[in-house]
Amino acid sequence: MTVRAAVILMLGVQIAVAAGVLTVLAGSAWAVAVLAGGGAFAGTVAFARSVIG
């Protein structure tokens, strides 16, 4: 695994966890939080791949 891939995946995981935690704290169910985290992960990885050269 390259450093670029590790940075992109780590950023995606951090954003996904933050989105999931905030969703749970807002009063939603765990399943909704997992879906929100998955969407945040996918979006972050796609964005970071295009930004990080």
N, C-alpha and C. Protein backbone atom coordinates (compact mmCIF):
# COMPACT_ATOMS: atom_id res chain seq x y z
N MET A 1 0.85 -1.18 0.00
CA MET A 1 0.00 0.00 0.00
C MET A 1 0.90 1.24 0.00
N THR A 2 0.57 2.15 -0.87
CA THR A 2 1.36 3.37 -0.96
C THR A 2 0.95 4.35 0.14
N VAL A 3 1.78 5.33 0.36
CA VAL A 3 1.47 6.36 1.35
C VAL A 3 0.22 7.12 0.94
N ARG A 4 0.07 7.38 -0.35
CA ARG A 4 -1.11 8.09 -0.85
C ARG A 4 -2.39 7.33 -0.53
N ALA A 5 -2.38 6.02 -0.77
CA ALA A 5 -3.55 5.20 -0.49
C ALA A 5 -3.85 5.16 1.01
N ALA A 6 -2.81 5.07 1.82
CA ALA A 6 -3.01 5.04 3.27
C ALA A 6 -3.61 6.35 3.77
N VAL A 7 -3.14 7.47 3.25
CA VAL A 7 -3.68 8.76 3.66
C VAL A 7 -5.14 8.90 3.25
N ILE A 8 -5.46 8.49 2.05
CA ILE A 8 -6.84 8.60 1.56
C ILE A 8 -7.77 7.71 2.38
N LEU A 9 -7.37 6.47 2.65
CA LEU A 9 -8.21 5.57 3.44
C LEU A 9 -8.36 6.05 4.88
N MET A 10 -7.28 6.54 5.47
CA MET A 10 -7.35 7.03 6.85
C MET A 10 -8.27 8.24 6.94
N LEU A 11 -8.19 9.14 5.98
CA LEU A 11 -9.08 10.30 5.95
C LEU A 11 -10.53 9.85 5.80
N GLY A 12 -10.77 8.88 4.94
CA GLY A 12 -12.12 8.37 4.76
C GLY A 12 -12.68 7.73 6.03
N VAL A 13 -11.86 6.97 6.73
CA VAL A 13 -12.30 6.33 7.96
C VAL A 13 -12.61 7.38 9.03
N GLN A 14 -11.76 8.37 9.15
CA GLN A 14 -11.99 9.41 10.16
C GLN A 14 -13.28 10.17 9.90
N ILE A 15 -13.54 10.53 8.67
CA ILE A 15 -14.76 11.25 8.34
C ILE A 15 -15.98 10.35 8.54
N ALA A 16 -15.87 9.08 8.19
CA ALA A 16 -16.98 8.14 8.36
C ALA A 16 -17.33 7.96 9.83
N VAL A 17 -16.32 7.82 10.67
CA VAL A 17 -16.58 7.67 12.10
C VAL A 17 -17.22 8.93 12.67
N ALA A 18 -16.71 10.09 12.26
CA ALA A 18 -17.29 11.34 12.74
C ALA A 18 -18.75 11.47 12.31
N ALA A 19 -19.05 11.12 11.08
CA ALA A 19 -20.43 11.20 10.60
C ALA A 19 -21.33 10.22 11.35
N GLY A 20 -20.84 9.03 11.59
CA GLY A 20 -21.63 8.04 12.33
C GLY A 20 -21.90 8.46 13.77
N VAL A 21 -20.88 8.97 14.43
CA VAL A 21 -21.05 9.41 15.82
C VAL A 21 -22.01 10.58 15.90
N LEU A 22 -21.86 11.53 15.01
CA LEU A 22 -22.77 12.68 15.02
C LEU A 22 -24.20 12.27 14.71
N THR A 23 -24.38 11.27 13.86
CA THR A 23 -25.72 10.79 13.55
C THR A 23 -26.36 10.13 14.77
N VAL A 24 -25.58 9.33 15.50
CA VAL A 24 -26.10 8.70 16.71
C VAL A 24 -26.41 9.75 17.77
N LEU A 25 -25.54 10.72 17.93
CA LEU A 25 -25.78 11.78 18.91
C LEU A 25 -26.99 12.63 18.56
N ALA A 26 -27.35 12.67 17.30
CA ALA A 26 -28.53 13.42 16.88
C ALA A 26 -29.82 12.65 17.19
N GLY A 27 -29.70 11.40 17.62
CA GLY A 27 -30.86 10.64 18.02
C GLY A 27 -31.33 9.61 17.02
N SER A 28 -30.56 9.35 16.00
CA SER A 28 -30.95 8.35 15.00
C SER A 28 -30.52 6.96 15.43
N ALA A 29 -31.06 5.96 14.76
CA ALA A 29 -30.73 4.57 15.06
C ALA A 29 -29.32 4.23 14.56
N TRP A 30 -28.78 3.12 15.09
CA TRP A 30 -27.44 2.70 14.69
C TRP A 30 -27.36 2.37 13.21
N ALA A 31 -28.42 1.77 12.68
CA ALA A 31 -28.41 1.41 11.26
C ALA A 31 -28.31 2.66 10.39
N VAL A 32 -28.98 3.71 10.78
CA VAL A 32 -28.90 4.96 10.04
C VAL A 32 -27.50 5.55 10.13
N ALA A 33 -26.89 5.42 11.31
CA ALA A 33 -25.53 5.94 11.50
C ALA A 33 -24.52 5.18 10.64
N VAL A 34 -24.71 3.87 10.51
CA VAL A 34 -23.81 3.08 9.67
C VAL A 34 -23.95 3.48 8.21
N LEU A 35 -25.18 3.68 7.78
CA LEU A 35 -25.40 4.11 6.39
C LEU A 35 -24.82 5.50 6.14
N ALA A 36 -24.97 6.40 7.11
CA ALA A 36 -24.39 7.74 6.96
C ALA A 36 -22.87 7.67 6.92
N GLY A 37 -22.29 6.83 7.75
CA GLY A 37 -20.84 6.67 7.75
C GLY A 37 -20.33 6.07 6.44
N GLY A 38 -21.06 5.12 5.90
CA GLY A 38 -20.66 4.52 4.62
C GLY A 38 -20.71 5.52 3.49
N GLY A 39 -21.76 6.32 3.47
CA GLY A 39 -21.86 7.35 2.45
C GLY A 39 -20.77 8.40 2.59
N ALA A 40 -20.47 8.76 3.82
CA ALA A 40 -19.41 9.74 4.06
C ALA A 40 -18.05 9.18 3.64
N PHE A 41 -17.82 7.89 3.92
CA PHE A 41 -16.57 7.26 3.52
C PHE A 41 -16.41 7.26 2.00
N ALA A 42 -17.45 6.86 1.30
CA ALA A 42 -17.39 6.79 -0.16
C ALA A 42 -17.16 8.17 -0.76
N GLY A 43 -17.87 9.15 -0.26
CA GLY A 43 -17.71 10.51 -0.77
C GLY A 43 -16.34 11.08 -0.49
N THR A 44 -15.83 10.82 0.71
CA THR A 44 -14.51 11.34 1.08
C THR A 44 -13.41 10.69 0.25
N VAL A 45 -13.50 9.39 0.05
CA VAL A 45 -12.47 8.70 -0.74
C VAL A 45 -12.50 9.19 -2.19
N ALA A 46 -13.68 9.34 -2.75
CA ALA A 46 -13.77 9.82 -4.12
C ALA A 46 -13.21 11.25 -4.24
N PHE A 47 -13.54 12.09 -3.29
CA PHE A 47 -13.04 13.47 -3.32
C PHE A 47 -11.53 13.52 -3.11
N ALA A 48 -11.05 12.75 -2.12
CA ALA A 48 -9.62 12.78 -1.82
C ALA A 48 -8.78 12.22 -2.98
N ARG A 49 -9.31 11.21 -3.67
CA ARG A 49 -8.58 10.66 -4.82
C ARG A 49 -8.38 11.71 -5.91
N SER A 50 -9.38 12.57 -6.08
CA SER A 50 -9.26 13.57 -7.13
C SER A 50 -8.40 14.75 -6.70
N VAL A 51 -8.34 15.03 -5.40
CA VAL A 51 -7.60 16.18 -4.91
C VAL A 51 -6.14 15.86 -4.66
N ILE A 52 -5.89 14.71 -4.02
CA ILE A 52 -4.52 14.33 -3.67
C ILE A 52 -3.87 13.68 -4.89
N GLY A 53 -2.88 14.34 -5.43
CA GLY A 53 -2.27 13.94 -6.69
C GLY A 53 -1.47 12.73 -6.63
